[in-house]
């Protein structure tokens, strides 16, 4: 028993420091993973939005399906260059959310224009 106590008194602090270093290192790597995941999600959203806007502007003569394929190609290429993986379902969901947001903005603008036209008297109201 005396040998164990002598060993712990001589090397106990080293074991405590080693354990604390391991624990802090583990916590640090977990925080980095969480941060990287959050950053990657933001990057994915930004890339999808940019690609959808670009495809809408550049490929106006293509059908909806062709535009979707062009957007997917561009999204995958850009994210691969950044070292970020994206699944097919995640990409589809982000694209749909982006398109829905554009449609809402478009409808709101159209409604606003109709209201302005009514106020200016250029549209006759029928009852």
C-alpha atoms as a PDB file:
ATOM      1  CA  UNK A   1       0.000   0.000   0.000  1.00  0.00           C
ATOM      2  CA  UNK A   2       2.898   2.295   0.769  1.00  0.00           C
ATOM      3  CA  UNK A   3       4.305   1.723  -2.717  1.00  0.00           C
ATOM      4  CA  UNK A   4       1.008   2.773  -4.314  1.00  0.00           C
ATOM      5  CA  UNK A   5       0.821   5.934  -2.218  1.00  0.00           C
ATOM      6  CA  UNK A   6       4.408   6.834  -3.050  1.00  0.00           C
ATOM      7  CA  UNK A   7       3.753   6.224  -6.745  1.00  0.00           C
ATOM      8  CA  UNK A   8       0.602   8.392  -6.699  1.00  0.00           C
ATOM      9  CA  UNK A   9       2.277  11.183  -4.749  1.00  0.00           C
ATOM     10  CA  UNK A  10       5.132  11.248  -7.238  1.00  0.00           C
ATOM     11  CA  UNK A  11       3.189  10.759 -10.502  1.00  0.00           C
ATOM     12  CA  UNK A  12      -0.407  11.626  -9.541  1.00  0.00           C
ATOM     13  CA  UNK A  13      -0.268  15.165 -10.930  1.00  0.00           C
ATOM     14  CA  UNK A  14       0.989  13.875 -14.261  1.00  0.00           C
ATOM     15  CA  UNK A  15      -1.987  11.511 -14.496  1.00  0.00           C
ATOM     16  CA  UNK A  16      -4.408  14.315 -13.595  1.00  0.00           C
ATOM     17  CA  UNK A  17      -2.892  16.689 -16.169  1.00  0.00           C
ATOM     18  CA  UNK A  18      -2.919  13.967 -18.814  1.00  0.00           C
ATOM     19  CA  UNK A  19      -6.568  13.144 -18.117  1.00  0.00           C
ATOM     20  CA  UNK A  20      -7.561  16.826 -18.190  1.00  0.00           C
ATOM     21  CA  UNK A  21      -5.685  17.353 -21.443  1.00  0.00           C
ATOM     22  CA  UNK A  22      -7.463  14.378 -23.011  1.00  0.00           C
ATOM     23  CA  UNK A  23     -10.875  15.590 -21.827  1.00  0.00           C
ATOM     24  CA  UNK A  24     -10.312  19.163 -23.050  1.00  0.00           C
ATOM     25  CA  UNK A  25      -8.995  17.834 -26.371  1.00  0.00           C
ATOM     26  CA  UNK A  26     -12.072  15.650 -26.822  1.00  0.00           C
ATOM     27  CA  UNK A  27     -14.425  18.529 -26.001  1.00  0.00           C
ATOM     28  CA  UNK A  28     -12.524  20.774 -28.420  1.00  0.00           C
ATOM     29  CA  UNK A  29     -12.861  18.311 -31.295  1.00  0.00           C
ATOM     30  CA  UNK A  30     -16.593  17.935 -30.630  1.00  0.00           C
ATOM     31  CA  UNK A  31     -17.077  21.700 -30.647  1.00  0.00           C
ATOM     32  CA  UNK A  32     -15.152  21.915 -33.928  1.00  0.00           C
ATOM     33  CA  UNK A  33     -17.384  19.232 -35.491  1.00  0.00           C
ATOM     34  CA  UNK A  34     -20.506  21.119 -34.448  1.00  0.00           C
ATOM     35  CA  UNK A  35     -19.097  24.383 -35.789  1.00  0.00           C
ATOM     36  CA  UNK A  36     -18.060  22.780 -39.090  1.00  0.00           C
ATOM     37  CA  UNK A  37     -21.494  21.223 -39.498  1.00  0.00           C
ATOM     38  CA  UNK A  38     -23.243  24.558 -38.866  1.00  0.00           C
ATOM     39  CA  UNK A  39     -20.890  26.375 -41.223  1.00  0.00           C
ATOM     40  CA  UNK A  40     -21.375  23.727 -43.916  1.00  0.00           C
ATOM     41  CA  UNK A  41     -25.171  24.041 -43.621  1.00  0.00           C
ATOM     42  CA  UNK A  42     -24.983  27.808 -44.089  1.00  0.00           C
ATOM     43  CA  UNK A  43     -22.636  27.370 -47.041  1.00  0.00           C
ATOM     44  CA  UNK A  44     -25.003  24.831 -48.624  1.00  0.00           C
ATOM     45  CA  UNK A  45     -27.943  27.229 -48.326  1.00  0.00           C
ATOM     46  CA  UNK A  46     -25.948  30.092 -49.841  1.00  0.00           C
ATOM     47  CA  UNK A  47     -24.648  27.968 -52.724  1.00  0.00           C
ATOM     48  CA  UNK A  48     -28.114  26.610 -53.514  1.00  0.00           C
ATOM     49  CA  UNK A  49     -29.644  30.084 -53.491  1.00  0.00           C
ATOM     50  CA  UNK A  50     -26.900  31.478 -55.719  1.00  0.00           C
ATOM     51  CA  UNK A  51     -27.139  28.568 -58.187  1.00  0.00           C
ATOM     52  CA  UNK A  52     -30.934  28.712 -58.394  1.00  0.00           C
ATOM     53  CA  UNK A  53     -30.836  32.478 -59.054  1.00  0.00           C
ATOM     54  CA  UNK A  54     -28.105  32.047 -61.655  1.00  0.00           C
ATOM     55  CA  UNK A  55     -29.921  29.232 -63.462  1.00  0.00           C
ATOM     56  CA  UNK A  56     -33.134  31.268 -63.529  1.00  0.00           C
ATOM     57  CA  UNK A  57     -31.272  34.190 -65.056  1.00  0.00           C
ATOM     58  CA  UNK A  58     -28.928  32.345 -67.433  1.00  0.00           C
ATOM     59  CA  UNK A  59     -31.148  29.558 -68.741  1.00  0.00           C
ATOM     60  CA  UNK A  60     -34.514  31.234 -69.267  1.00  0.00           C
ATOM     61  CA  UNK A  61     -35.176  29.184 -72.418  1.00  0.00           C
ATOM     62  CA  UNK A  62     -34.876  25.807 -70.628  1.00  0.00           C
ATOM     63  CA  UNK A  63     -37.767  23.879 -69.138  1.00  0.00           C
ATOM     64  CA  UNK A  64     -38.186  23.511 -65.383  1.00  0.00           C
ATOM     65  CA  UNK A  65     -36.703  20.009 -65.337  1.00  0.00           C
ATOM     66  CA  UNK A  66     -33.669  21.099 -67.335  1.00  0.00           C
ATOM     67  CA  UNK A  67     -33.159  24.086 -65.046  1.00  0.00           C
ATOM     68  CA  UNK A  68     -33.311  21.778 -62.049  1.00  0.00           C
ATOM     69  CA  UNK A  69     -30.624  19.524 -63.510  1.00  0.00           C
ATOM     70  CA  UNK A  70     -28.394  22.508 -64.333  1.00  0.00           C
ATOM     71  CA  UNK A  71     -28.803  23.839 -60.795  1.00  0.00           C
ATOM     72  CA  UNK A  72     -27.967  20.429 -59.300  1.00  0.00           C
ATOM     73  CA  UNK A  73     -24.852  20.087 -61.451  1.00  0.00           C
ATOM     74  CA  UNK A  74     -23.612  23.509 -60.397  1.00  0.00           C
ATOM     75  CA  UNK A  75     -24.411  22.956 -56.717  1.00  0.00           C
ATOM     76  CA  UNK A  76     -22.567  19.642 -56.575  1.00  0.00           C
ATOM     77  CA  UNK A  77     -19.549  21.049 -58.393  1.00  0.00           C
ATOM     78  CA  UNK A  78     -19.247  24.135 -56.186  1.00  0.00           C
ATOM     79  CA  UNK A  79     -19.725  22.210 -52.944  1.00  0.00           C
ATOM     80  CA  UNK A  80     -17.252  19.515 -54.016  1.00  0.00           C
ATOM     81  CA  UNK A  81     -14.670  22.234 -54.684  1.00  0.00           C
ATOM     82  CA  UNK A  82     -15.250  23.467 -51.125  1.00  0.00           C
ATOM     83  CA  UNK A  83     -14.952  19.939 -49.725  1.00  0.00           C
ATOM     84  CA  UNK A  84     -18.591  19.823 -48.593  1.00  0.00           C
ATOM     85  CA  UNK A  85     -20.754  16.782 -49.258  1.00  0.00           C
ATOM     86  CA  UNK A  86     -24.481  17.082 -49.928  1.00  0.00           C
ATOM     87  CA  UNK A  87     -27.029  14.326 -50.334  1.00  0.00           C
ATOM     88  CA  UNK A  88     -29.574  14.262 -53.144  1.00  0.00           C
ATOM     89  CA  UNK A  89     -32.508  14.676 -50.750  1.00  0.00           C
ATOM     90  CA  UNK A  90     -30.852  17.569 -48.924  1.00  0.00           C
ATOM     91  CA  UNK A  91     -30.153  19.307 -52.223  1.00  0.00           C
ATOM     92  CA  UNK A  92     -33.740  18.780 -53.408  1.00  0.00           C
ATOM     93  CA  UNK A  93     -35.136  20.169 -50.156  1.00  0.00           C
ATOM     94  CA  UNK A  94     -32.900  23.243 -50.241  1.00  0.00           C
ATOM     95  CA  UNK A  95     -33.771  23.915 -53.901  1.00  0.00           C
ATOM     96  CA  UNK A  96     -37.504  23.598 -53.222  1.00  0.00           C
ATOM     97  CA  UNK A  97     -37.265  25.921 -50.222  1.00  0.00           C
ATOM     98  CA  UNK A  98     -35.362  28.461 -52.304  1.00  0.00           C
ATOM     99  CA  UNK A  99     -37.857  28.307 -55.192  1.00  0.00           C
ATOM    100  CA  UNK A 100     -40.788  28.620 -52.769  1.00  0.00           C
ATOM    101  CA  UNK A 101     -39.184  31.721 -51.267  1.00  0.00           C
ATOM    102  CA  UNK A 102     -38.764  33.226 -54.754  1.00  0.00           C
ATOM    103  CA  UNK A 103     -42.381  32.441 -55.606  1.00  0.00           C
ATOM    104  CA  UNK A 104     -43.615  34.110 -52.418  1.00  0.00           C
ATOM    105  CA  UNK A 105     -41.569  37.205 -53.187  1.00  0.00           C
ATOM    106  CA  UNK A 106     -42.881  37.217 -56.766  1.00  0.00           C
ATOM    107  CA  UNK A 107     -46.509  36.895 -55.605  1.00  0.00           C
ATOM    108  CA  UNK A 108     -46.063  39.645 -53.036  1.00  0.00           C
ATOM    109  CA  UNK A 109     -44.601  41.956 -55.677  1.00  0.00           C
ATOM    110  CA  UNK A 110     -47.451  41.178 -58.095  1.00  0.00           C
ATOM    111  CA  UNK A 111     -50.013  41.867 -55.383  1.00  0.00           C
ATOM    112  CA  UNK A 112     -48.321  45.138 -54.534  1.00  0.00           C
ATOM    113  CA  UNK A 113     -48.360  46.182 -58.202  1.00  0.00           C
ATOM    114  CA  UNK A 114     -52.091  45.365 -58.480  1.00  0.00           C
ATOM    115  CA  UNK A 115     -52.796  47.466 -55.394  1.00  0.00           C
ATOM    116  CA  UNK A 116     -50.842  50.388 -56.864  1.00  0.00           C
ATOM    117  CA  UNK A 117     -52.740  50.084 -60.143  1.00  0.00           C
ATOM    118  CA  UNK A 118     -56.062  50.118 -58.298  1.00  0.00           C
ATOM    119  CA  UNK A 119     -55.017  53.161 -56.312  1.00  0.00           C
ATOM    120  CA  UNK A 120     -53.970  54.948 -59.502  1.00  0.00           C
ATOM    121  CA  UNK A 121     -57.278  54.052 -61.158  1.00  0.00           C
ATOM    122  CA  UNK A 122     -55.812  52.117 -64.043  1.00  0.00           C
ATOM    123  CA  UNK A 123     -57.828  49.007 -63.144  1.00  0.00           C
ATOM    124  CA  UNK A 124     -61.564  49.408 -62.948  1.00  0.00           C
ATOM    125  CA  UNK A 125     -63.163  47.628 -60.061  1.00  0.00           C
ATOM    126  CA  UNK A 126     -66.151  45.484 -60.946  1.00  0.00           C
ATOM    127  CA  UNK A 127     -68.855  44.578 -58.490  1.00  0.00           C
END
